[in-house]
Amino acid sequence: MAYALIRASVRDYDEWKPVFDELSSLRQKHGSKGTRVFRAKDSPNEVVVLTQFSDEGEARRMFQSEEFLAGTKKGGVTAPPEVEFLEEVDSQSA
């Protein structure tokens, strides 16, 4: 398993979110096992997305795909999103 942490600035969250939802099938096609969306309380157009993928290589291909890049443009992402891959090394219940 691999996790991708994506940080992006968007023009308007309410404009971006439906486009993000439309790209669900793209994420699934590239092995997404689920995603969580966060935004900063003080800056609601700053979003952070955490997605679990079955394969890091497949996830990297998604982030380089024309469909993903077109989606970021359509959704009003104002600069290339920052994508960082994470490896889970520990999990605790509390």
PDB file of N, CA and C in Angstrom:
ATOM      1  N   MET A   1       0.840  -1.188   0.000  1.00  0.00           N
ATOM      2  CA  MET A   1       0.000   0.000   0.000  1.00  0.00           C
ATOM      3  C   MET A   1       0.879   1.244   0.000  1.00  0.00           C
ATOM      4  N   ALA A   2       0.350   2.254  -0.623  1.00  0.00           N
ATOM      5  CA  ALA A   2       1.023   3.553  -0.663  1.00  0.00           C
ATOM      6  C   ALA A   2      -0.018   4.621  -0.370  1.00  0.00           C
ATOM      7  N   TYR A   3       0.430   5.695   0.199  1.00  0.00           N
ATOM      8  CA  TYR A   3      -0.434   6.839   0.457  1.00  0.00           C
ATOM      9  C   TYR A   3       0.127   8.026  -0.301  1.00  0.00           C
ATOM     10  N   ALA A   4      -0.777   8.817  -0.862  1.00  0.00           N
ATOM     11  CA  ALA A   4      -0.380  10.063  -1.513  1.00  0.00           C
ATOM     12  C   ALA A   4      -1.012  11.205  -0.737  1.00  0.00           C
ATOM     13  N   LEU A   5      -0.189  12.164  -0.364  1.00  0.00           N
ATOM     14  CA  LEU A   5      -0.638  13.374   0.315  1.00  0.00           C
ATOM     15  C   LEU A   5      -0.534  14.503  -0.697  1.00  0.00           C
ATOM     16  N   ILE A   6      -1.671  15.102  -1.019  1.00  0.00           N
ATOM     17  CA  ILE A   6      -1.718  16.138  -2.043  1.00  0.00           C
ATOM     18  C   ILE A   6      -2.141  17.448  -1.398  1.00  0.00           C
ATOM     19  N   ARG A   7      -1.361  18.496  -1.642  1.00  0.00           N
ATOM     20  CA  ARG A   7      -1.702  19.839  -1.175  1.00  0.00           C
ATOM     21  C   ARG A   7      -1.964  20.696  -2.407  1.00  0.00           C
ATOM     22  N   ALA A   8      -3.071  21.431  -2.369  1.00  0.00           N
ATOM     23  CA  ALA A   8      -3.394  22.272  -3.525  1.00  0.00           C
ATOM     24  C   ALA A   8      -4.112  23.535  -3.068  1.00  0.00           C
ATOM     25  N   SER A   9      -3.858  24.595  -3.791  1.00  0.00           N
ATOM     26  CA  SER A   9      -4.611  25.840  -3.630  1.00  0.00           C
ATOM     27  C   SER A   9      -5.621  25.882  -4.763  1.00  0.00           C
ATOM     28  N   VAL A  10      -6.857  26.157  -4.406  1.00  0.00           N
ATOM     29  CA  VAL A  10      -7.916  26.205  -5.414  1.00  0.00           C
ATOM     30  C   VAL A  10      -8.556  27.582  -5.409  1.00  0.00           C
ATOM     31  N   ARG A  11      -9.073  27.960  -6.561  1.00  0.00           N
ATOM     32  CA  ARG A  11      -9.713  29.271  -6.686  1.00  0.00           C
ATOM     33  C   ARG A  11     -10.941  29.350  -5.776  1.00  0.00           C
ATOM     34  N   ASP A  12     -11.728  28.261  -5.767  1.00  0.00           N
ATOM     35  CA  ASP A  12     -12.951  28.237  -4.970  1.00  0.00           C
ATOM     36  C   ASP A  12     -13.257  26.783  -4.630  1.00  0.00           C
ATOM     37  N   TYR A  13     -13.315  26.458  -3.355  1.00  0.00           N
ATOM     38  CA  TYR A  13     -13.541  25.073  -2.925  1.00  0.00           C
ATOM     39  C   TYR A  13     -14.827  24.513  -3.537  1.00  0.00           C
ATOM     40  N   ASP A  14     -15.891  25.299  -3.533  1.00  0.00           N
ATOM     41  CA  ASP A  14     -17.179  24.825  -4.043  1.00  0.00           C
ATOM     42  C   ASP A  14     -17.157  24.567  -5.548  1.00  0.00           C
ATOM     43  N   GLU A  15     -16.240  25.184  -6.250  1.00  0.00           N
ATOM     44  CA  GLU A  15     -16.031  24.917  -7.676  1.00  0.00           C
ATOM     45  C   GLU A  15     -15.171  23.665  -7.857  1.00  0.00           C
ATOM     46  N   TRP A  16     -14.171  23.491  -6.999  1.00  0.00           N
ATOM     47  CA  TRP A  16     -13.218  22.390  -7.105  1.00  0.00           C
ATOM     48  C   TRP A  16     -13.829  21.045  -6.726  1.00  0.00           C
ATOM     49  N   LYS A  17     -14.620  20.993  -5.662  1.00  0.00           N
ATOM     50  CA  LYS A  17     -15.082  19.717  -5.102  1.00  0.00           C
ATOM     51  C   LYS A  17     -15.878  18.874  -6.094  1.00  0.00           C
ATOM     52  N   PRO A  18     -16.830  19.404  -6.865  1.00  0.00           N
ATOM     53  CA  PRO A  18     -17.538  18.551  -7.823  1.00  0.00           C
ATOM     54  C   PRO A  18     -16.605  17.937  -8.878  1.00  0.00           C
ATOM     55  N   VAL A  19     -15.585  18.674  -9.289  1.00  0.00           N
ATOM     56  CA  VAL A  19     -14.619  18.139 -10.251  1.00  0.00           C
ATOM     57  C   VAL A  19     -13.817  17.023  -9.595  1.00  0.00           C
ATOM     58  N   PHE A  20     -13.412  17.226  -8.355  1.00  0.00           N
ATOM     59  CA  PHE A  20     -12.714  16.179  -7.610  1.00  0.00           C
ATOM     60  C   PHE A  20     -13.578  14.924  -7.544  1.00  0.00           C
ATOM     61  N   ASP A  21     -14.860  15.091  -7.260  1.00  0.00           N
ATOM     62  CA  ASP A  21     -15.779  13.952  -7.187  1.00  0.00           C
ATOM     63  C   ASP A  21     -15.901  13.254  -8.538  1.00  0.00           C
ATOM     64  N   GLU A  22     -15.937  14.018  -9.625  1.00  0.00           N
ATOM     65  CA  GLU A  22     -16.014  13.443 -10.970  1.00  0.00           C
ATOM     66  C   GLU A  22     -14.814  12.549 -11.269  1.00  0.00           C
ATOM     67  N   LEU A  23     -13.667  12.861 -10.686  1.00  0.00           N
ATOM     68  CA  LEU A  23     -12.443  12.109 -10.951  1.00  0.00           C
ATOM     69  C   LEU A  23     -12.331  10.839 -10.104  1.00  0.00           C
ATOM     70  N   SER A  24     -13.379  10.497  -9.381  1.00  0.00           N
ATOM     71  CA  SER A  24     -13.376   9.281  -8.566  1.00  0.00           C
ATOM     72  C   SER A  24     -13.055   8.041  -9.404  1.00  0.00           C
ATOM     73  N   SER A  25     -13.644   7.948 -10.590  1.00  0.00           N
ATOM     74  CA  SER A  25     -13.395   6.772 -11.434  1.00  0.00           C
ATOM     75  C   SER A  25     -11.941   6.715 -11.891  1.00  0.00           C
ATOM     76  N   LEU A  26     -11.317   7.865 -12.123  1.00  0.00           N
ATOM     77  CA  LEU A  26      -9.899   7.894 -12.484  1.00  0.00           C
ATOM     78  C   LEU A  26      -9.061   7.364 -11.329  1.00  0.00           C
ATOM     79  N   ARG A  27      -9.370   7.818 -10.108  1.00  0.00           N
ATOM     80  CA  ARG A  27      -8.624   7.336  -8.941  1.00  0.00           C
ATOM     81  C   ARG A  27      -8.802   5.831  -8.787  1.00  0.00           C
ATOM     82  N   GLN A  28     -10.024   5.340  -8.924  1.00  0.00           N
ATOM     83  CA  GLN A  28     -10.284   3.906  -8.781  1.00  0.00           C
ATOM     84  C   GLN A  28      -9.545   3.110  -9.854  1.00  0.00           C
ATOM     85  N   LYS A  29      -9.538   3.607 -11.072  1.00  0.00           N
ATOM     86  CA  LYS A  29      -8.840   2.949 -12.185  1.00  0.00           C
ATOM     87  C   LYS A  29      -7.354   2.777 -11.879  1.00  0.00           C
ATOM     88  N   HIS A  30      -6.803   3.711 -11.109  1.00  0.00           N
ATOM     89  CA  HIS A  30      -5.380   3.670 -10.775  1.00  0.00           C
ATOM     90  C   HIS A  30      -5.127   3.099  -9.379  1.00  0.00           C
ATOM     91  N   GLY A  31      -6.111   2.414  -8.821  1.00  0.00           N
ATOM     92  CA  GLY A  31      -5.885   1.658  -7.591  1.00  0.00           C
ATOM     93  C   GLY A  31      -6.195   2.361  -6.296  1.00  0.00           C
ATOM     94  N   SER A  32      -6.982   3.432  -6.340  1.00  0.00           N
ATOM     95  CA  SER A  32      -7.347   4.109  -5.093  1.00  0.00           C
ATOM     96  C   SER A  32      -8.191   3.186  -4.229  1.00  0.00           C
ATOM     97  N   LYS A  33      -7.869   3.144  -2.953  1.00  0.00           N
ATOM     98  CA  LYS A  33      -8.617   2.359  -1.972  1.00  0.00           C
ATOM     99  C   LYS A  33      -9.448   3.255  -1.062  1.00  0.00           C
ATOM    100  N   GLY A  34      -9.390   4.546  -1.280  1.00  0.00           N
ATOM    101  CA  GLY A  34     -10.146   5.495  -0.477  1.00  0.00           C
ATOM    102  C   GLY A  34      -9.396   6.799  -0.357  1.00  0.00           C
ATOM    103  N   THR A  35     -10.150   7.827  -0.085  1.00  0.00           N
ATOM    104  CA  THR A  35      -9.546   9.154  -0.012  1.00  0.00           C
ATOM    105  C   THR A  35     -10.231   9.980   1.062  1.00  0.00           C
ATOM    106  N   ARG A  36      -9.482  10.896   1.634  1.00  0.00           N
ATOM    107  CA  ARG A  36     -10.014  11.834   2.627  1.00  0.00           C
ATOM    108  C   ARG A  36      -9.605  13.228   2.206  1.00  0.00           C
ATOM    109  N   VAL A  37     -10.537  14.175   2.336  1.00  0.00           N
ATOM    110  CA  VAL A  37     -10.296  15.563   1.933  1.00  0.00           C
ATOM    111  C   VAL A  37     -10.357  16.441   3.170  1.00  0.00           C
ATOM    112  N   PHE A  38      -9.377  17.318   3.287  1.00  0.00           N
ATOM    113  CA  PHE A  38      -9.309  18.282   4.381  1.00  0.00           C
ATOM    114  C   PHE A  38      -9.129  19.668   3.778  1.00  0.00           C
ATOM    115  N   ARG A  39      -9.500  20.671   4.557  1.00  0.00           N
ATOM    116  CA  ARG A  39      -9.166  22.035   4.151  1.00  0.00           C
ATOM    117  C   ARG A  39      -8.854  22.845   5.399  1.00  0.00           C
ATOM    118  N   ALA A  40      -8.049  23.858   5.205  1.00  0.00           N
ATOM    119  CA  ALA A  40      -7.618  24.690   6.321  1.00  0.00           C
ATOM    120  C   ALA A  40      -8.797  25.522   6.821  1.00  0.00           C
ATOM    121  N   LYS A  41      -8.978  25.576   8.129  1.00  0.00           N
ATOM    122  CA  LYS A  41     -10.078  26.367   8.705  1.00  0.00           C
ATOM    123  C   LYS A  41      -9.931  27.850   8.390  1.00  0.00           C
ATOM    124  N   ASP A  42      -8.700  28.347   8.433  1.00  0.00           N
ATOM    125  CA  ASP A  42      -8.454  29.771   8.205  1.00  0.00           C
ATOM    126  C   ASP A  42      -8.317  30.124   6.725  1.00  0.00           C
ATOM    127  N   SER A  43      -8.181  29.109   5.880  1.00  0.00           N
ATOM    128  CA  SER A  43      -8.005  29.343   4.443  1.00  0.00           C
ATOM    129  C   SER A  43      -8.712  28.213   3.691  1.00  0.00           C
ATOM    130  N   PRO A  44     -10.038  28.303   3.549  1.00  0.00           N
ATOM    131  CA  PRO A  44     -10.815  27.186   3.025  1.00  0.00           C
ATOM    132  C   PRO A  44     -10.532  26.803   1.572  1.00  0.00           C
ATOM    133  N   ASN A  45      -9.728  27.584   0.858  1.00  0.00           N
ATOM    134  CA  ASN A  45      -9.366  27.227  -0.499  1.00  0.00           C
ATOM    135  C   ASN A  45      -8.004  26.526  -0.573  1.00  0.00           C
ATOM    136  N   GLU A  46      -7.474  26.169   0.587  1.00  0.00           N
ATOM    137  CA  GLU A  46      -6.262  25.346   0.670  1.00  0.00           C
ATOM    138  C   GLU A  46      -6.724  23.949   1.046  1.00  0.00           C
ATOM    139  N   VAL A  47      -6.556  22.992   0.133  1.00  0.00           N
ATOM    140  CA  VAL A  47      -7.039  21.640   0.380  1.00  0.00           C
ATOM    141  C   VAL A  47      -5.875  20.668   0.521  1.00  0.00           C
ATOM    142  N   VAL A  48      -6.120  19.652   1.318  1.00  0.00           N
ATOM    143  CA  VAL A  48      -5.181  18.545   1.507  1.00  0.00           C
ATOM    144  C   VAL A  48      -5.984  17.272   1.290  1.00  0.00           C
ATOM    145  N   VAL A  49      -5.463  16.399   0.445  1.00  0.00           N
ATOM    146  CA  VAL A  49      -6.134  15.147   0.131  1.00  0.00           C
ATOM    147  C   VAL A  49      -5.185  14.008   0.479  1.00  0.00           C
ATOM    148  N   LEU A  50      -5.684  13.025   1.195  1.00  0.00           N
ATOM    149  CA  LEU A  50      -4.917  11.825   1.520  1.00  0.00           C
ATOM    150  C   LEU A  50      -5.615  10.651   0.852  1.00  0.00           C
ATOM    151  N   THR A  51      -4.899   9.986  -0.050  1.00  0.00           N
ATOM    152  CA  THR A  51      -5.465   8.864  -0.792  1.00  0.00           C
ATOM    153  C   THR A  51      -4.599   7.632  -0.596  1.00  0.00           C
ATOM    154  N   GLN A  52      -5.243   6.515  -0.342  1.00  0.00           N
ATOM    155  CA  GLN A  52      -4.545   5.239  -0.228  1.00  0.00           C
ATOM    156  C   GLN A  52      -4.623   4.539  -1.583  1.00  0.00           C
ATOM    157  N   PHE A  53      -3.488   4.077  -2.079  1.00  0.00           N
ATOM    158  CA  PHE A  53      -3.405   3.371  -3.356  1.00  0.00           C
ATOM    159  C   PHE A  53      -2.833   1.977  -3.131  1.00  0.00           C
ATOM    160  N   SER A  54      -3.238   1.055  -3.979  1.00  0.00           N
ATOM    161  CA  SER A  54      -2.710  -0.301  -3.889  1.00  0.00           C
ATOM    162  C   SER A  54      -1.286  -0.383  -4.434  1.00  0.00           C
ATOM    163  N   ASP A  55      -0.908   0.566  -5.313  1.00  0.00           N
ATOM    164  CA  ASP A  55       0.410   0.513  -5.940  1.00  0.00           C
ATOM    165  C   ASP A  55       0.920   1.929  -6.205  1.00  0.00           C
ATOM    166  N   GLU A  56       2.099   2.246  -5.704  1.00  0.00           N
ATOM    167  CA  GLU A  56       2.644   3.594  -5.872  1.00  0.00           C
ATOM    168  C   GLU A  56       2.911   3.941  -7.330  1.00  0.00           C
ATOM    169  N   GLY A  57       3.409   2.997  -8.103  1.00  0.00           N
ATOM    170  CA  GLY A  57       3.686   3.256  -9.512  1.00  0.00           C
ATOM    171  C   GLY A  57       2.425   3.626 -10.278  1.00  0.00           C
ATOM    172  N   GLU A  58       1.349   2.930  -9.997  1.00  0.00           N
ATOM    173  CA  GLU A  58       0.072   3.226 -10.659  1.00  0.00           C
ATOM    174  C   GLU A  58      -0.435   4.605 -10.238  1.00  0.00           C
ATOM    175  N   ALA A  59      -0.251   4.941  -8.963  1.00  0.00           N
ATOM    176  CA  ALA A  59      -0.652   6.271  -8.481  1.00  0.00           C
ATOM    177  C   ALA A  59       0.158   7.354  -9.175  1.00  0.00           C
ATOM    178  N   ARG A  60       1.442   7.147  -9.325  1.00  0.00           N
ATOM    179  CA  ARG A  60       2.286   8.129 -10.016  1.00  0.00           C
ATOM    180  C   ARG A  60       1.831   8.326 -11.461  1.00  0.00           C
ATOM    181  N   ARG A  61       1.444   7.247 -12.118  1.00  0.00           N
ATOM    182  CA  ARG A  61       0.941   7.360 -13.483  1.00  0.00           C
ATOM    183  C   ARG A  61      -0.332   8.209 -13.525  1.00  0.00           C
ATOM    184  N   MET A  62      -1.185   8.050 -12.510  1.00  0.00           N
ATOM    185  CA  MET A  62      -2.409   8.843 -12.478  1.00  0.00           C
ATOM    186  C   MET A  62      -2.086  10.331 -12.387  1.00  0.00           C
ATOM    187  N   PHE A  63      -1.167  10.693 -11.487  1.00  0.00           N
ATOM    188  CA  PHE A  63      -0.843  12.107 -11.303  1.00  0.00           C
ATOM    189  C   PHE A  63      -0.181  12.722 -12.534  1.00  0.00           C
ATOM    190  N   GLN A  64       0.370  11.906 -13.424  1.00  0.00           N
ATOM    191  CA  GLN A  64       0.994  12.406 -14.649  1.00  0.00           C
ATOM    192  C   GLN A  64       0.045  12.333 -15.846  1.00  0.00           C
ATOM    193  N   SER A  65      -1.136  11.759 -15.657  1.00  0.00           N
ATOM    194  CA  SER A  65      -2.058  11.555 -16.775  1.00  0.00           C
ATOM    195  C   SER A  65      -2.688  12.863 -17.241  1.00  0.00           C
ATOM    196  N   GLU A  66      -3.036  12.893 -18.522  1.00  0.00           N
ATOM    197  CA  GLU A  66      -3.709  14.056 -19.099  1.00  0.00           C
ATOM    198  C   GLU A  66      -5.042  14.306 -18.399  1.00  0.00           C
ATOM    199  N   GLU A  67      -5.747  13.229 -18.054  1.00  0.00           N
ATOM    200  CA  GLU A  67      -7.053  13.376 -17.410  1.00  0.00           C
ATOM    201  C   GLU A  67      -6.920  14.065 -16.046  1.00  0.00           C
ATOM    202  N   PHE A  68      -5.901  13.691 -15.269  1.00  0.00           N
ATOM    203  CA  PHE A  68      -5.679  14.330 -13.971  1.00  0.00           C
ATOM    204  C   PHE A  68      -5.314  15.802 -14.160  1.00  0.00           C
ATOM    205  N   LEU A  69      -4.392  16.067 -15.078  1.00  0.00           N
ATOM    206  CA  LEU A  69      -3.951  17.447 -15.307  1.00  0.00           C
ATOM    207  C   LEU A  69      -5.098  18.321 -15.808  1.00  0.00           C
ATOM    208  N   ALA A  70      -5.944  17.769 -16.686  1.00  0.00           N
ATOM    209  CA  ALA A  70      -7.104  18.522 -17.166  1.00  0.00           C
ATOM    210  C   ALA A  70      -8.083  18.767 -16.018  1.00  0.00           C
ATOM    211  N   GLY A  71      -8.223  17.789 -15.125  1.00  0.00           N
ATOM    212  CA  GLY A  71      -9.119  17.945 -13.974  1.00  0.00           C
ATOM    213  C   GLY A  71      -8.654  19.042 -13.031  1.00  0.00           C
ATOM    214  N   THR A  72      -7.343  19.148 -12.816  1.00  0.00           N
ATOM    215  CA  THR A  72      -6.851  20.205 -11.934  1.00  0.00           C
ATOM    216  C   THR A  72      -7.149  21.574 -12.532  1.00  0.00           C
ATOM    217  N   LYS A  73      -7.002  21.669 -13.850  1.00  0.00           N
ATOM    218  CA  LYS A  73      -7.299  22.940 -14.520  1.00  0.00           C
ATOM    219  C   LYS A  73      -8.788  23.257 -14.432  1.00  0.00           C
ATOM    220  N   LYS A  74      -9.624  22.270 -14.748  1.00  0.00           N
ATOM    221  CA  LYS A  74     -11.077  22.460 -14.721  1.00  0.00           C
ATOM    222  C   LYS A  74     -11.570  22.821 -13.315  1.00  0.00           C
ATOM    223  N   GLY A  75     -10.944  22.232 -12.298  1.00  0.00           N
ATOM    224  CA  GLY A  75     -11.356  22.474 -10.924  1.00  0.00           C
ATOM    225  C   GLY A  75     -10.836  23.775 -10.318  1.00  0.00           C
ATOM    226  N   GLY A  76     -10.019  24.502 -11.059  1.00  0.00           N
ATOM    227  CA  GLY A  76      -9.537  25.784 -10.564  1.00  0.00           C
ATOM    228  C   GLY A  76      -8.347  25.694  -9.632  1.00  0.00           C
ATOM    229  N   VAL A  77      -7.546  24.639  -9.777  1.00  0.00           N
ATOM    230  CA  VAL A  77      -6.306  24.548  -8.993  1.00  0.00           C
ATOM    231  C   VAL A  77      -5.379  25.634  -9.517  1.00  0.00           C
ATOM    232  N   THR A  78      -4.870  26.485  -8.626  1.00  0.00           N
ATOM    233  CA  THR A  78      -4.167  27.695  -9.059  1.00  0.00           C
ATOM    234  C   THR A  78      -2.677  27.499  -9.328  1.00  0.00           C
ATOM    235  N   ALA A  79      -2.101  26.383  -8.884  1.00  0.00           N
ATOM    236  CA  ALA A  79      -0.690  26.065  -9.132  1.00  0.00           C
ATOM    237  C   ALA A  79      -0.583  24.546  -9.124  1.00  0.00           C
ATOM    238  N   PRO A  80       0.474  23.999  -9.718  1.00  0.00           N
ATOM    239  CA  PRO A  80       0.586  22.542  -9.692  1.00  0.00           C
ATOM    240  C   PRO A  80       0.496  22.014  -8.250  1.00  0.00           C
ATOM    241  N   PRO A  81      -0.333  20.997  -8.034  1.00  0.00           N
ATOM    242  CA  PRO A  81      -0.459  20.465  -6.679  1.00  0.00           C
ATOM    243  C   PRO A  81       0.840  19.811  -6.231  1.00  0.00           C
ATOM    244  N   GLU A  82       1.089  19.885  -4.931  1.00  0.00           N
ATOM    245  CA  GLU A  82       2.241  19.196  -4.344  1.00  0.00           C
ATOM    246  C   GLU A  82       1.796  17.785  -4.005  1.00  0.00           C
ATOM    247  N   VAL A  83       2.523  16.786  -4.505  1.00  0.00           N
ATOM    248  CA  VAL A  83       2.188  15.388  -4.250  1.00  0.00           C
ATOM    249  C   VAL A  83       3.375  14.741  -3.551  1.00  0.00           C
ATOM    250  N   GLU A  84       3.106  14.148  -2.408  1.00  0.00           N
ATOM    251  CA  GLU A  84       4.138  13.460  -1.635  1.00  0.00           C
ATOM    252  C   GLU A  84       3.641  12.049  -1.341  1.00  0.00           C
ATOM    253  N   PHE A  85       4.506  11.062  -1.542  1.00  0.00           N
ATOM    254  CA  PHE A  85       4.142   9.683  -1.247  1.00  0.00           C
ATOM    255  C   PHE A  85       4.625   9.313   0.144  1.00  0.00           C
ATOM    256  N   LEU A  86       3.737   8.668   0.889  1.00  0.00           N
ATOM    257  CA  LEU A  86       4.016   8.298   2.269  1.00  0.00           C
ATOM    258  C   LEU A  86       3.959   6.792   2.439  1.00  0.00           C
ATOM    259  N   GLU A  87       4.708   6.324   3.395  1.00  0.00           N
ATOM    260  CA  GLU A  87       4.716   4.915   3.762  1.00  0.00           C
ATOM    261  C   GLU A  87       4.248   4.822   5.211  1.00  0.00           C
ATOM    262  N   GLU A  88       3.224   4.026   5.463  1.00  0.00           N
ATOM    263  CA  GLU A  88       2.745   3.870   6.845  1.00  0.00           C
ATOM    264  C   GLU A  88       3.742   3.014   7.608  1.00  0.00           C
ATOM    265  N   VAL A  89       4.188   3.548   8.752  1.00  0.00           N
ATOM    266  CA  VAL A  89       5.160   2.819   9.561  1.00  0.00           C
ATOM    267  C   VAL A  89       4.614   2.465  10.941  1.00  0.00           C
ATOM    268  N   ASP A  90       3.450   3.030  11.313  1.00  0.00           N
ATOM    269  CA  ASP A  90       2.875   2.735  12.609  1.00  0.00           C
ATOM    270  C   ASP A  90       1.406   3.148  12.598  1.00  0.00           C
ATOM    271  N   SER A  91       0.630   2.481  13.408  1.00  0.00           N
ATOM    272  CA  SER A  91      -0.779   2.820  13.567  1.00  0.00           C
ATOM    273  C   SER A  91      -1.161   2.542  15.015  1.00  0.00           C
ATOM    274  N   GLN A  92      -1.832   3.508  15.632  1.00  0.00           N
ATOM    275  CA  GLN A  92      -2.257   3.358  17.023  1.00  0.00           C
ATOM    276  C   GLN A  92      -3.710   3.790  17.122  1.00  0.00           C
ATOM    277  N   SER A  93      -4.455   3.178  18.029  1.00  0.00           N
ATOM    278  CA  SER A  93      -5.878   3.472  18.147  1.00  0.00           C
ATOM    279  C   SER A  93      -6.157   4.759  18.917  1.00  0.00           C
ATOM    280  N   ALA A  94      -5.254   5.184  19.736  1.00  0.00           N
ATOM    281  CA  ALA A  94      -5.483   6.423  20.480  1.00  0.00           C
ATOM    282  C   ALA A  94      -4.168   7.067  20.859  1.00  0.00           C
TER     283      ALA A  94
END
